[in-house]
Amino acid sequence: MRTTPSIFHKLEGIEEDITSKLIPALVGHQITKDHRAIFTLPVRHGGMAIENPVNIAEREFMNSLKMTEPLWKAIFDQQESIQVSNIANQELIDEIKKDKEEQFKQTKFSTMNNLHQKEARFVALASEKGASSWLSALPLEQYGFALNRQEFIDAVALRYNFEITGRSRSCVCGKENTQDHSLTCKRGGFVAIRHNTIRDTTASLLEKVCYGVETEPKLQPVGSRQLPSGTNIKDGARSDIAARGFWSPLDKAFFDIRVLHPGAKSNDNKSLEKMYKDHEEEKKRCYNSRIQEVEHGHFTPLVFSTTGGMSKECNRFVKKLSERLGFRLQQSYADTISYVRRRLRIELLRTALIAIRGHRGRFYERSMDLEEMDLNLIADTRYED
């Protein structure tokens, strides 16, 4: 493509095989023309970075021609030496990148208008910062970044709201077992597993840069203090994580985690910005005043989504955490924040995949619960060896 002009028509067979064979092998079923257009986009734009060779052939040739212009001109002119300006070369690279980015945005805009509203929403969710980091991660088992074939197919299906086959049509709770229901149903404990996994991962990262890190710290009693309506004033109330020295030296910071599902009925009709903001405000109403006035600490709600997005305050937390981790480990900020986002994203993904295919209850006749049994009637331990 970069060396031969006007060959796009000769690449149509390759594009046909990509669309009809390669992509179905990756995602588990055939895709529409609009989804093929989305798949050509970089993962940060909600795509899969599987470009259409027919569409990019001429563009890549022209870009190659521009980049090698000093070389081929020197050859034509039979020059004995070549002078290349690094500054001019970098400016040309930046210009090509800018043109490509503009083309990506135009493709995304035009295709999103053709998609169903829910499909377009899932592409927007996949375009959130860090939401696609699992696709660009090396599949290293020692870091927990590897997915098997079924998990990868399911992950792509969750990304684009494709149907996931091989699942029960009804949940043990009696409701239809849609993908949205699988990610919100509390039967089987998968919602709690998702929350606790993110809590423990966040706490383990905080331990690298803070001291006094604890999970489920018990808050001090409110006593006779008058706190705003909506504040959790119960004795024994807890936040998810506490740590000293995160936002400022010696001060105690409290964090409470929520992992929302954008497809839940309470979130379905909200913009992404409002969805995150509403959940942040709810957490603040519950804990902010109590922690500031009773604990004299700092409270930060950490709101994640099952699709890998984060709320505004959560993003601020991740940036601060990455900055401090990078300094502690003598790693660049760019590498550190990429790792933190990727680790959290893959934890969210794996817990979502578990919930999608997880077993939620018994399908056989239940025996008497252990707590209801009088074990002395079953066996008399006095006669056991």
Foldseek 3Di string as FASTA:
>chain_A
DQADAPCLVVCVVVLVCCQPPVVCQQQVHHDDPLLVLQQCAPQLQLHVVPHRCSVCVNVNNVLSCVLCVQPVVCVVVVPPDTDDDPVVNVVSVVVSVVVVVVVNVVSLVVSLVVDDPVQSVLSVLSNAPLLRLLSVDDQDVVLPSNDDRLLSNVLVCSSRVNDRPDADQAAPVGHGQGLLCLQPPPFPNLQVVLQVLLLVVVLVLVVLQFPPKDAFDFADAPPPDDDDPLEARDHRHTAGIWTAAQVHHGAIETEHEDEAECVDPVNVPDDPQVSQVVVQVNVCSHHVRRCCPRVVHHYFYWYHYLSLHTHPSNVVSLLSSLVSNCVSVVHDSVVSSSVVSNSSSSSSSVSSSCSSHPRRDDPDDDDDDPVPDDVCVVDPCVPPD
